[in-house]
Amino acid sequence: MSVIDAYLDALWLEQGASDHTLAAYRRDLTAWQQQLERDDETLLTASPTRFSTWMEQRREQGYQLRSNARMLSSLRSFYRWARLYGHIDSDPLANVSLPKVRPSLPNTLEEDEVERLLLAPDVGTPLGVRDRTMLELLYACGLRVSELVGLTGDAVNLRQGVVRVRGKGDKDRLVPMGEEAAEWLAQYLKTARPALMQDPTRPALFPGRGDNSMTRQTFWHRIKAHAITAGISRPLSPHTLRHAFATHLLNHGANLRVVQLLLGHSDLSTTQIYTHVAQARLEQLHAEHHPRG
């Protein structure tokens, strides 16, 4: 077993890292390993000087600071593990640093734009009811698209008004769905889902082909189509409604820790980006409406 495989196994066993996370670490470590092999070095004999030289080469090739910072984070994690388990005596990247990356503000939507997007599906059809319900849940619960399409029928409790969500690292959290989303979900379960599924006993809450769970890509195409119908021209991402959920909660006075729990963030610093979004919105409103703005 290679040292990369051993490290990724440890990430999976000890931290419950997802397949997506493991694949990202493997790409970073493999890229670094290939650079080292050109100088007859290995991951466990690398020098800080070699890493700094590579970062300069990547900058010249057009890699952004954020990409290099992510690479450094991946490699630091690997070398901390390697030192902890005796594969190396000292961490070659312990004193290596890159300029701080200013967090970019998530692309989000104004509240009226969200309302137009929610109204876009044709709810006179089973597909339209399905899409409306999915959009309502996505926004009301702040879900990741992967979490939404992965929901099963037993994950929703209409009586209590909550959704059990399986997030990153296979960690479950309970999220309230709100009255509007609950009403659409009840209508969907009663009318649209039976019409869309050949076998309604299958577990997928929102079916795609063959009664299997809809793919992320399919739902993302649906979002973009509904955005066009709603007249929303700004760029969207699969996380746009999740960003809107967090930003709008903070704009209306929600506690940051509550938003952290609802989003399923393990680290509060990840959630704090949304305070910048809310602050930017306040500054915009001040500039537009204050007589001294």
C-alpha atoms as a PDB file:
ATOM      1  CA  MET A   1       0.000   0.000   0.000  1.00  0.00           C
ATOM      2  CA  SER A   2       1.347   3.436  -0.949  1.00  0.00           C
ATOM      3  CA  VAL A   3       1.735   6.169   1.629  1.00  0.00           C
ATOM      4  CA  ILE A   4      -1.040   8.124  -0.119  1.00  0.00           C
ATOM      5  CA  ASP A   5      -3.425   5.176   0.185  1.00  0.00           C
ATOM      6  CA  ALA A   6      -2.528   4.738   3.851  1.00  0.00           C
ATOM      7  CA  TYR A   7      -3.212   8.416   4.537  1.00  0.00           C
ATOM      8  CA  LEU A   8      -6.557   8.378   2.712  1.00  0.00           C
ATOM      9  CA  ASP A   9      -7.591   5.241   4.598  1.00  0.00           C
ATOM     10  CA  ALA A  10      -6.811   7.049   7.849  1.00  0.00           C
ATOM     11  CA  LEU A  11      -8.911  10.048   6.742  1.00  0.00           C
ATOM     12  CA  TRP A  12     -11.826   7.778   5.985  1.00  0.00           C
ATOM     13  CA  LEU A  13     -11.557   5.720   9.165  1.00  0.00           C
ATOM     14  CA  GLU A  14     -10.791   8.501  11.634  1.00  0.00           C
ATOM     15  CA  GLN A  15     -12.666  11.476  10.180  1.00  0.00           C
ATOM     16  CA  GLY A  16     -15.338   9.865   8.012  1.00  0.00           C
ATOM     17  CA  ALA A  17     -14.130  11.852   4.989  1.00  0.00           C
ATOM     18  CA  SER A  18     -16.465  11.682   1.986  1.00  0.00           C
ATOM     19  CA  ASP A  19     -15.522  10.195  -1.392  1.00  0.00           C
ATOM     20  CA  HIS A  20     -15.402  13.728  -2.821  1.00  0.00           C
ATOM     21  CA  THR A  21     -12.953  14.871  -0.135  1.00  0.00           C
ATOM     22  CA  LEU A  22     -10.775  11.793  -0.531  1.00  0.00           C
ATOM     23  CA  ALA A  23     -10.636  12.274  -4.309  1.00  0.00           C
ATOM     24  CA  ALA A  24      -9.586  15.921  -3.866  1.00  0.00           C
ATOM     25  CA  TYR A  25      -6.776  14.984  -1.453  1.00  0.00           C
ATOM     26  CA  ARG A  26      -5.617  12.231  -3.803  1.00  0.00           C
ATOM     27  CA  ARG A  27      -5.421  14.695  -6.728  1.00  0.00           C
ATOM     28  CA  ASP A  28      -3.382  17.180  -4.690  1.00  0.00           C
ATOM     29  CA  LEU A  29      -0.990  14.597  -3.294  1.00  0.00           C
ATOM     30  CA  THR A  30      -0.512  12.910  -6.669  1.00  0.00           C
ATOM     31  CA  ALA A  31       0.274  16.255  -8.329  1.00  0.00           C
ATOM     32  CA  TRP A  32       2.870  17.019  -5.620  1.00  0.00           C
ATOM     33  CA  GLN A  33       4.327  13.515  -5.873  1.00  0.00           C
ATOM     34  CA  GLN A  34       4.760  13.866  -9.645  1.00  0.00           C
ATOM     35  CA  GLN A  35       6.626  17.142  -9.170  1.00  0.00           C
ATOM     36  CA  LEU A  36       8.950  15.558  -6.621  1.00  0.00           C
ATOM     37  CA  GLU A  37       9.699  12.543  -8.803  1.00  0.00           C
ATOM     38  CA  ARG A  38      11.186  14.869 -11.430  1.00  0.00           C
ATOM     39  CA  ASP A  39      13.971  15.643  -8.927  1.00  0.00           C
ATOM     40  CA  ASP A  40      14.244  12.084  -7.646  1.00  0.00           C
ATOM     41  CA  GLU A  41      12.477  13.034  -4.417  1.00  0.00           C
ATOM     42  CA  THR A  42       9.513  11.442  -2.705  1.00  0.00           C
ATOM     43  CA  LEU A  43       6.647  12.705  -0.591  1.00  0.00           C
ATOM     44  CA  LEU A  44       8.585  11.740   2.534  1.00  0.00           C
ATOM     45  CA  THR A  45      11.875  13.405   1.508  1.00  0.00           C
ATOM     46  CA  ALA A  46      10.481  16.692   0.183  1.00  0.00           C
ATOM     47  CA  SER A  47      12.059  19.993   1.214  1.00  0.00           C
ATOM     48  CA  PRO A  48      10.351  23.318   1.961  1.00  0.00           C
ATOM     49  CA  THR A  49      12.443  24.927  -0.787  1.00  0.00           C
ATOM     50  CA  ARG A  50      11.081  22.498  -3.360  1.00  0.00           C
ATOM     51  CA  PHE A  51       7.513  23.329  -2.392  1.00  0.00           C
ATOM     52  CA  SER A  52       8.099  27.094  -2.610  1.00  0.00           C
ATOM     53  CA  THR A  53       9.634  26.658  -6.071  1.00  0.00           C
ATOM     54  CA  TRP A  54       6.612  24.668  -7.210  1.00  0.00           C
ATOM     55  CA  MET A  55       4.197  27.288  -5.894  1.00  0.00           C
ATOM     56  CA  GLU A  56       6.064  29.945  -7.889  1.00  0.00           C
ATOM     57  CA  GLN A  57       5.827  27.753 -11.004  1.00  0.00           C
ATOM     58  CA  ARG A  58       2.096  27.347 -10.478  1.00  0.00           C
ATOM     59  CA  ARG A  59       1.648  31.109 -10.154  1.00  0.00           C
ATOM     60  CA  GLU A  60       3.493  31.614 -13.442  1.00  0.00           C
ATOM     61  CA  GLN A  61       1.209  29.011 -15.036  1.00  0.00           C
ATOM     62  CA  GLY A  62      -1.843  31.022 -14.011  1.00  0.00           C
ATOM     63  CA  TYR A  63      -2.981  29.180 -10.875  1.00  0.00           C
ATOM     64  CA  GLN A  64      -4.792  31.541  -8.534  1.00  0.00           C
ATOM     65  CA  LEU A  65      -3.767  32.189  -4.935  1.00  0.00           C
ATOM     66  CA  ARG A  66      -6.859  30.379  -3.696  1.00  0.00           C
ATOM     67  CA  SER A  67      -5.889  27.219  -5.597  1.00  0.00           C
ATOM     68  CA  ASN A  68      -2.360  27.262  -4.179  1.00  0.00           C
ATOM     69  CA  ALA A  69      -3.693  27.882  -0.673  1.00  0.00           C
ATOM     70  CA  ARG A  70      -5.969  24.860  -0.978  1.00  0.00           C
ATOM     71  CA  MET A  71      -3.030  22.765  -2.196  1.00  0.00           C
ATOM     72  CA  LEU A  72      -0.928  23.864   0.783  1.00  0.00           C
ATOM     73  CA  SER A  73      -3.769  22.973   3.153  1.00  0.00           C
ATOM     74  CA  SER A  74      -4.040  19.471   1.655  1.00  0.00           C
ATOM     75  CA  LEU A  75      -0.320  18.816   1.893  1.00  0.00           C
ATOM     76  CA  ARG A  76      -0.055  20.167   5.419  1.00  0.00           C
ATOM     77  CA  SER A  77      -2.742  17.734   6.525  1.00  0.00           C
ATOM     78  CA  PHE A  78      -0.802  14.871   4.948  1.00  0.00           C
ATOM     79  CA  TYR A  79       2.493  15.848   6.568  1.00  0.00           C
ATOM     80  CA  ARG A  80       0.908  16.275  10.008  1.00  0.00           C
ATOM     81  CA  TRP A  81      -0.374  12.720   9.676  1.00  0.00           C
ATOM     82  CA  ALA A  82       2.993  11.451   8.394  1.00  0.00           C
ATOM     83  CA  ARG A  83       4.837  12.983  11.342  1.00  0.00           C
ATOM     84  CA  LEU A  84       2.278  11.750  13.864  1.00  0.00           C
ATOM     85  CA  TYR A  85       2.653   8.167  12.644  1.00  0.00           C
ATOM     86  CA  GLY A  86       6.445   8.246  12.397  1.00  0.00           C
ATOM     87  CA  HIS A  87       6.844   8.350   8.619  1.00  0.00           C
ATOM     88  CA  ILE A  88       8.923  11.546   8.865  1.00  0.00           C
ATOM     89  CA  ASP A  89      10.894  13.226  11.656  1.00  0.00           C
ATOM     90  CA  SER A  90       9.893  16.798  10.834  1.00  0.00           C
ATOM     91  CA  ASP A  91       7.178  18.506   8.831  1.00  0.00           C
ATOM     92  CA  PRO A  92       8.726  20.132   5.716  1.00  0.00           C
ATOM     93  CA  LEU A  93       5.809  22.556   5.390  1.00  0.00           C
ATOM     94  CA  ALA A  94       5.520  23.588   9.032  1.00  0.00           C
ATOM     95  CA  ASN A  95       6.936  27.066   8.370  1.00  0.00           C
ATOM     96  CA  VAL A  96       5.715  27.525   4.807  1.00  0.00           C
ATOM     97  CA  SER A  97       3.013  30.115   4.300  1.00  0.00           C
ATOM     98  CA  LEU A  98       1.152  31.803   1.479  1.00  0.00           C
ATOM     99  CA  PRO A  99      -0.460  35.250   1.424  1.00  0.00           C
ATOM    100  CA  LYS A 100      -3.848  35.193   3.110  1.00  0.00           C
ATOM    101  CA  VAL A 101      -6.772  34.643   0.800  1.00  0.00           C
ATOM    102  CA  ARG A 102      -9.618  37.075   1.285  1.00  0.00           C
ATOM    103  CA  PRO A 103     -12.817  35.039   1.428  1.00  0.00           C
ATOM    104  CA  SER A 104     -14.955  35.560  -1.646  1.00  0.00           C
ATOM    105  CA  LEU A 105     -18.569  36.460  -1.027  1.00  0.00           C
ATOM    106  CA  PRO A 106     -20.988  33.689  -2.022  1.00  0.00           C
ATOM    107  CA  ASN A 107     -23.252  34.415  -4.954  1.00  0.00           C
ATOM    108  CA  THR A 108     -26.752  34.716  -3.558  1.00  0.00           C
ATOM    109  CA  LEU A 109     -30.213  36.032  -4.433  1.00  0.00           C
ATOM    110  CA  GLU A 110     -32.366  38.819  -3.083  1.00  0.00           C
ATOM    111  CA  GLU A 111     -35.556  37.737  -1.328  1.00  0.00           C
ATOM    112  CA  ASP A 112     -37.781  38.849  -4.218  1.00  0.00           C
ATOM    113  CA  GLU A 113     -35.633  36.868  -6.657  1.00  0.00           C
ATOM    114  CA  VAL A 114     -36.003  33.750  -4.518  1.00  0.00           C
ATOM    115  CA  GLU A 115     -39.761  34.294  -4.518  1.00  0.00           C
ATOM    116  CA  ARG A 116     -39.811  34.512  -8.328  1.00  0.00           C
ATOM    117  CA  LEU A 117     -37.719  31.361  -8.610  1.00  0.00           C
ATOM    118  CA  LEU A 118     -40.045  29.440  -6.289  1.00  0.00           C
ATOM    119  CA  LEU A 119     -43.036  30.515  -8.375  1.00  0.00           C
ATOM    120  CA  ALA A 120     -41.449  29.497 -11.695  1.00  0.00           C
ATOM    121  CA  PRO A 121     -42.408  25.767 -11.910  1.00  0.00           C
ATOM    122  CA  ASP A 122     -45.754  24.912 -13.515  1.00  0.00           C
ATOM    123  CA  VAL A 123     -47.536  23.361 -10.549  1.00  0.00           C
ATOM    124  CA  GLY A 124     -50.340  22.162 -12.797  1.00  0.00           C
ATOM    125  CA  THR A 125     -48.159  19.136 -13.611  1.00  0.00           C
ATOM    126  CA  PRO A 126     -46.619  16.450 -11.370  1.00  0.00           C
ATOM    127  CA  LEU A 127     -43.126  17.497 -12.523  1.00  0.00           C
ATOM    128  CA  GLY A 128     -43.885  21.093 -11.633  1.00  0.00           C
ATOM    129  CA  VAL A 129     -45.117  20.143  -8.167  1.00  0.00           C
ATOM    130  CA  ARG A 130     -41.983  18.065  -7.671  1.00  0.00           C
ATOM    131  CA  ASP A 131     -39.709  20.929  -8.713  1.00  0.00           C
ATOM    132  CA  ARG A 132     -41.601  23.472  -6.597  1.00  0.00           C
ATOM    133  CA  THR A 133     -41.345  21.193  -3.574  1.00  0.00           C
ATOM    134  CA  MET A 134     -37.630  20.643  -4.130  1.00  0.00           C
ATOM    135  CA  LEU A 135     -36.968  24.382  -4.462  1.00  0.00           C
ATOM    136  CA  GLU A 136     -39.027  25.108  -1.343  1.00  0.00           C
ATOM    137  CA  LEU A 137     -37.096  22.524   0.688  1.00  0.00           C
ATOM    138  CA  LEU A 138     -33.756  23.647  -0.698  1.00  0.00           C
ATOM    139  CA  TYR A 139     -34.385  27.231   0.394  1.00  0.00           C
ATOM    140  CA  ALA A 140     -36.345  26.559   3.587  1.00  0.00           C
ATOM    141  CA  CYS A 141     -33.762  24.123   4.948  1.00  0.00           C
ATOM    142  CA  GLY A 142     -30.529  25.480   3.444  1.00  0.00           C
ATOM    143  CA  LEU A 143     -29.672  22.094   1.970  1.00  0.00           C
ATOM    144  CA  ARG A 144     -26.846  21.192  -0.336  1.00  0.00           C
ATOM    145  CA  VAL A 145     -28.171  19.907  -3.664  1.00  0.00           C
ATOM    146  CA  SER A 146     -26.574  16.524  -2.955  1.00  0.00           C
ATOM    147  CA  GLU A 147     -28.418  16.388   0.378  1.00  0.00           C
ATOM    148  CA  LEU A 148     -31.724  17.272  -1.270  1.00  0.00           C
ATOM    149  CA  VAL A 149     -31.601  14.664  -4.048  1.00  0.00           C
ATOM    150  CA  GLY A 150     -30.386  12.067  -1.553  1.00  0.00           C
ATOM    151  CA  LEU A 151     -33.440  12.386   0.696  1.00  0.00           C
ATOM    152  CA  THR A 152     -35.542   9.288   1.248  1.00  0.00           C
ATOM    153  CA  GLY A 153     -39.189   9.066   2.189  1.00  0.00           C
ATOM    154  CA  ASP A 154     -38.452   8.191   5.809  1.00  0.00           C
ATOM    155  CA  ALA A 155     -36.221  11.281   6.211  1.00  0.00           C
ATOM    156  CA  VAL A 156     -39.165  13.691   6.392  1.00  0.00           C
ATOM    157  CA  ASN A 157     -41.565  14.068   9.307  1.00  0.00           C
ATOM    158  CA  LEU A 158     -44.533  16.235   8.370  1.00  0.00           C
ATOM    159  CA  ARG A 159     -46.073  16.003  11.833  1.00  0.00           C
ATOM    160  CA  GLN A 160     -42.999  17.484  13.478  1.00  0.00           C
ATOM    161  CA  GLY A 161     -42.090  19.604  10.453  1.00  0.00           C
ATOM    162  CA  VAL A 162     -38.469  18.462  10.230  1.00  0.00           C
ATOM    163  CA  VAL A 163     -36.141  16.857   7.702  1.00  0.00           C
ATOM    164  CA  ARG A 164     -33.361  14.461   8.675  1.00  0.00           C
ATOM    165  CA  VAL A 165     -30.418  15.369   6.481  1.00  0.00           C
ATOM    166  CA  ARG A 166     -27.282  13.315   5.937  1.00  0.00           C
ATOM    167  CA  GLY A 167     -24.466  15.775   5.314  1.00  0.00           C
ATOM    168  CA  LYS A 168     -20.708  15.638   4.864  1.00  0.00           C
ATOM    169  CA  GLY A 169     -18.961  12.844   6.713  1.00  0.00           C
ATOM    170  CA  ASP A 170     -22.284  10.980   6.899  1.00  0.00           C
ATOM    171  CA  LYS A 171     -23.334  13.207   9.795  1.00  0.00           C
ATOM    172  CA  ASP A 172     -27.080  13.536  10.349  1.00  0.00           C
ATOM    173  CA  ARG A 173     -28.838  16.731  11.388  1.00  0.00           C
ATOM    174  CA  LEU A 174     -32.493  17.668  11.892  1.00  0.00           C
ATOM    175  CA  VAL A 175     -33.618  20.815  10.087  1.00  0.00           C
ATOM    176  CA  PRO A 176     -37.044  22.489  10.419  1.00  0.00           C
ATOM    177  CA  MET A 177     -38.728  22.929   7.036  1.00  0.00           C
ATOM    178  CA  GLY A 178     -41.253  25.681   7.782  1.00  0.00           C
ATOM    179  CA  GLU A 179     -44.972  25.774   7.006  1.00  0.00           C
ATOM    180  CA  GLU A 180     -44.758  26.633   3.302  1.00  0.00           C
ATOM    181  CA  ALA A 181     -42.283  23.870   2.462  1.00  0.00           C
ATOM    182  CA  ALA A 182     -44.246  21.395   4.606  1.00  0.00           C
ATOM    183  CA  GLU A 183     -47.463  22.199   2.743  1.00  0.00           C
ATOM    184  CA  TRP A 184     -45.838  21.670  -0.636  1.00  0.00           C
ATOM    185  CA  LEU A 185     -44.223  18.457   0.546  1.00  0.00           C
ATOM    186  CA  ALA A 186     -47.570  17.129   1.768  1.00  0.00           C
ATOM    187  CA  GLN A 187     -49.169  17.942  -1.596  1.00  0.00           C
ATOM    188  CA  TYR A 188     -46.268  16.368  -3.463  1.00  0.00           C
ATOM    189  CA  LEU A 189     -46.423  13.141  -1.452  1.00  0.00           C
ATOM    190  CA  LYS A 190     -50.174  12.888  -1.930  1.00  0.00           C
ATOM    191  CA  THR A 191     -50.435  13.630  -5.652  1.00  0.00           C
ATOM    192  CA  ALA A 192     -47.230  14.131  -7.634  1.00  0.00           C
ATOM    193  CA  ARG A 193     -44.885  11.455  -6.271  1.00  0.00           C
ATOM    194  CA  PRO A 194     -47.313   8.554  -6.886  1.00  0.00           C
ATOM    195  CA  ALA A 195     -47.832   9.851 -10.426  1.00  0.00           C
ATOM    196  CA  LEU A 196     -44.095  10.025 -11.112  1.00  0.00           C
ATOM    197  CA  MET A 197     -43.070   6.640  -9.711  1.00  0.00           C
ATOM    198  CA  GLN A 198     -43.796   3.208 -11.082  1.00  0.00           C
ATOM    199  CA  ASP A 199     -43.119   1.759  -7.641  1.00  0.00           C
ATOM    200  CA  PRO A 200     -43.983   4.279  -4.882  1.00  0.00           C
ATOM    201  CA  THR A 201     -42.481   1.951  -2.256  1.00  0.00           C
ATOM    202  CA  ARG A 202     -38.965   2.750  -3.526  1.00  0.00           C
ATOM    203  CA  PRO A 203     -37.025   4.919  -1.039  1.00  0.00           C
ATOM    204  CA  ALA A 204     -36.134   7.936  -3.222  1.00  0.00           C
ATOM    205  CA  LEU A 205     -38.138  10.987  -2.152  1.00  0.00           C
ATOM    206  CA  PHE A 206     -37.532  12.797  -5.444  1.00  0.00           C
ATOM    207  CA  PRO A 207     -37.227  10.301  -8.293  1.00  0.00           C
ATOM    208  CA  GLY A 208     -35.367  10.684 -11.530  1.00  0.00           C
ATOM    209  CA  ARG A 209     -35.157   7.848 -14.007  1.00  0.00           C
ATOM    210  CA  GLY A 210     -36.171   4.356 -13.030  1.00  0.00           C
ATOM    211  CA  ASP A 211     -37.517   5.418  -9.614  1.00  0.00           C
ATOM    212  CA  ASN A 212     -33.944   6.140  -8.501  1.00  0.00           C
ATOM    213  CA  SER A 213     -32.966   9.361  -6.774  1.00  0.00           C
ATOM    214  CA  MET A 214     -32.601  12.305  -9.106  1.00  0.00           C
ATOM    215  CA  THR A 215     -28.996  13.211  -9.887  1.00  0.00           C
ATOM    216  CA  ARG A 216     -27.462  16.516  -8.819  1.00  0.00           C
ATOM    217  CA  GLN A 217     -26.803  17.373 -12.448  1.00  0.00           C
ATOM    218  CA  THR A 218     -30.453  16.864 -13.432  1.00  0.00           C
ATOM    219  CA  PHE A 219     -31.741  19.075 -10.653  1.00  0.00           C
ATOM    220  CA  TRP A 220     -29.143  21.747 -11.420  1.00  0.00           C
ATOM    221  CA  HIS A 221     -30.435  21.859 -15.014  1.00  0.00           C
ATOM    222  CA  ARG A 222     -33.956  22.231 -13.618  1.00  0.00           C
ATOM    223  CA  ILE A 223     -32.872  25.169 -11.430  1.00  0.00           C
ATOM    224  CA  LYS A 224     -31.284  26.958 -14.389  1.00  0.00           C
ATOM    225  CA  ALA A 225     -34.394  26.441 -16.519  1.00  0.00           C
ATOM    226  CA  HIS A 226     -36.654  27.834 -13.789  1.00  0.00           C
ATOM    227  CA  ALA A 227     -34.290  30.783 -13.286  1.00  0.00           C
ATOM    228  CA  ILE A 228     -34.755  31.715 -16.945  1.00  0.00           C
ATOM    229  CA  THR A 229     -38.533  31.508 -16.509  1.00  0.00           C
ATOM    230  CA  ALA A 230     -38.246  33.729 -13.417  1.00  0.00           C
ATOM    231  CA  GLY A 231     -36.225  36.334 -15.325  1.00  0.00           C
ATOM    232  CA  ILE A 232     -33.140  35.902 -13.135  1.00  0.00           C
ATOM    233  CA  SER A 233     -30.093  36.815 -15.192  1.00  0.00           C
ATOM    234  CA  ARG A 234     -27.369  36.834 -12.541  1.00  0.00           C
ATOM    235  CA  PRO A 235     -25.005  33.816 -12.424  1.00  0.00           C
ATOM    236  CA  LEU A 236     -26.247  30.953 -10.284  1.00  0.00           C
ATOM    237  CA  SER A 237     -24.500  28.024  -8.652  1.00  0.00           C
ATOM    238  CA  PRO A 238     -25.883  24.800  -7.163  1.00  0.00           C
ATOM    239  CA  HIS A 239     -25.363  26.437  -3.742  1.00  0.00           C
ATOM    240  CA  THR A 240     -27.183  29.688  -4.563  1.00  0.00           C
ATOM    241  CA  LEU A 241     -30.336  28.918  -2.573  1.00  0.00           C
ATOM    242  CA  ARG A 242     -28.255  27.567   0.314  1.00  0.00           C
ATOM    243  CA  HIS A 243     -26.339  30.845   0.360  1.00  0.00           C
ATOM    244  CA  ALA A 244     -29.634  32.770   0.195  1.00  0.00           C
ATOM    245  CA  PHE A 245     -31.009  30.734   3.118  1.00  0.00           C
ATOM    246  CA  ALA A 246     -28.055  31.644   5.347  1.00  0.00           C
ATOM    247  CA  THR A 247     -27.825  35.269   4.258  1.00  0.00           C
ATOM    248  CA  HIS A 248     -31.528  35.958   4.666  1.00  0.00           C
ATOM    249  CA  LEU A 249     -31.572  34.364   8.118  1.00  0.00           C
ATOM    250  CA  LEU A 250     -28.723  36.617   9.248  1.00  0.00           C
ATOM    251  CA  ASN A 251     -30.334  39.661   7.642  1.00  0.00           C
ATOM    252  CA  HIS A 252     -33.409  38.977   9.776  1.00  0.00           C
ATOM    253  CA  GLY A 253     -31.425  38.680  12.991  1.00  0.00           C
ATOM    254  CA  ALA A 254     -30.636  34.955  13.298  1.00  0.00           C
ATOM    255  CA  ASN A 255     -27.791  33.911  15.579  1.00  0.00           C
ATOM    256  CA  LEU A 256     -24.645  32.798  13.719  1.00  0.00           C
ATOM    257  CA  ARG A 257     -24.389  29.585  15.758  1.00  0.00           C
ATOM    258  CA  VAL A 258     -27.961  28.674  14.849  1.00  0.00           C
ATOM    259  CA  VAL A 259     -27.174  29.163  11.166  1.00  0.00           C
ATOM    260  CA  GLN A 260     -24.067  27.011  11.631  1.00  0.00           C
ATOM    261  CA  LEU A 261     -26.161  24.161  13.038  1.00  0.00           C
ATOM    262  CA  LEU A 262     -28.785  24.438  10.310  1.00  0.00           C
ATOM    263  CA  LEU A 263     -26.163  24.388   7.547  1.00  0.00           C
ATOM    264  CA  GLY A 264     -24.301  21.489   9.122  1.00  0.00           C
ATOM    265  CA  HIS A 265     -20.955  23.311   9.281  1.00  0.00           C
ATOM    266  CA  SER A 266     -18.484  21.688  11.659  1.00  0.00           C
ATOM    267  CA  ASP A 267     -16.501  24.928  11.997  1.00  0.00           C
ATOM    268  CA  LEU A 268     -18.050  28.314  12.791  1.00  0.00           C
ATOM    269  CA  SER A 269     -15.443  30.039  10.615  1.00  0.00           C
ATOM    270  CA  THR A 270     -17.067  28.431   7.568  1.00  0.00           C
ATOM    271  CA  THR A 271     -20.385  30.042   8.475  1.00  0.00           C
ATOM    272  CA  GLN A 272     -18.855  33.452   9.169  1.00  0.00           C
ATOM    273  CA  ILE A 273     -18.537  34.178   5.448  1.00  0.00           C
ATOM    274  CA  TYR A 274     -22.251  34.929   5.495  1.00  0.00           C
ATOM    275  CA  THR A 275     -21.742  37.762   7.962  1.00  0.00           C
ATOM    276  CA  HIS A 276     -19.674  39.425   5.232  1.00  0.00           C
ATOM    277  CA  VAL A 277     -22.566  38.990   2.814  1.00  0.00           C
ATOM    278  CA  ALA A 278     -25.001  40.524   5.275  1.00  0.00           C
ATOM    279  CA  GLN A 279     -22.579  43.376   5.995  1.00  0.00           C
ATOM    280  CA  ALA A 280     -22.124  44.033   2.279  1.00  0.00           C
ATOM    281  CA  ARG A 281     -25.883  44.221   1.867  1.00  0.00           C
ATOM    282  CA  LEU A 282     -26.184  46.679   4.775  1.00  0.00           C
ATOM    283  CA  GLU A 283     -23.490  48.874   3.264  1.00  0.00           C
ATOM    284  CA  GLN A 284     -25.292  48.836  -0.087  1.00  0.00           C
ATOM    285  CA  LEU A 285     -28.588  49.827   1.529  1.00  0.00           C
ATOM    286  CA  HIS A 286     -26.869  52.596   3.472  1.00  0.00           C
ATOM    287  CA  ALA A 287     -25.243  53.970   0.320  1.00  0.00           C
ATOM    288  CA  GLU A 288     -28.543  53.875  -1.577  1.00  0.00           C
ATOM    289  CA  HIS A 289     -30.903  55.307   1.018  1.00  0.00           C
ATOM    290  CA  HIS A 290     -29.005  57.310   3.638  1.00  0.00           C
ATOM    291  CA  PRO A 291     -28.871  61.065   2.909  1.00  0.00           C
ATOM    292  CA  ARG A 292     -25.152  61.031   3.679  1.00  0.00           C
ATOM    293  CA  GLY A 293     -24.537  57.703   1.938  1.00  0.00           C
END
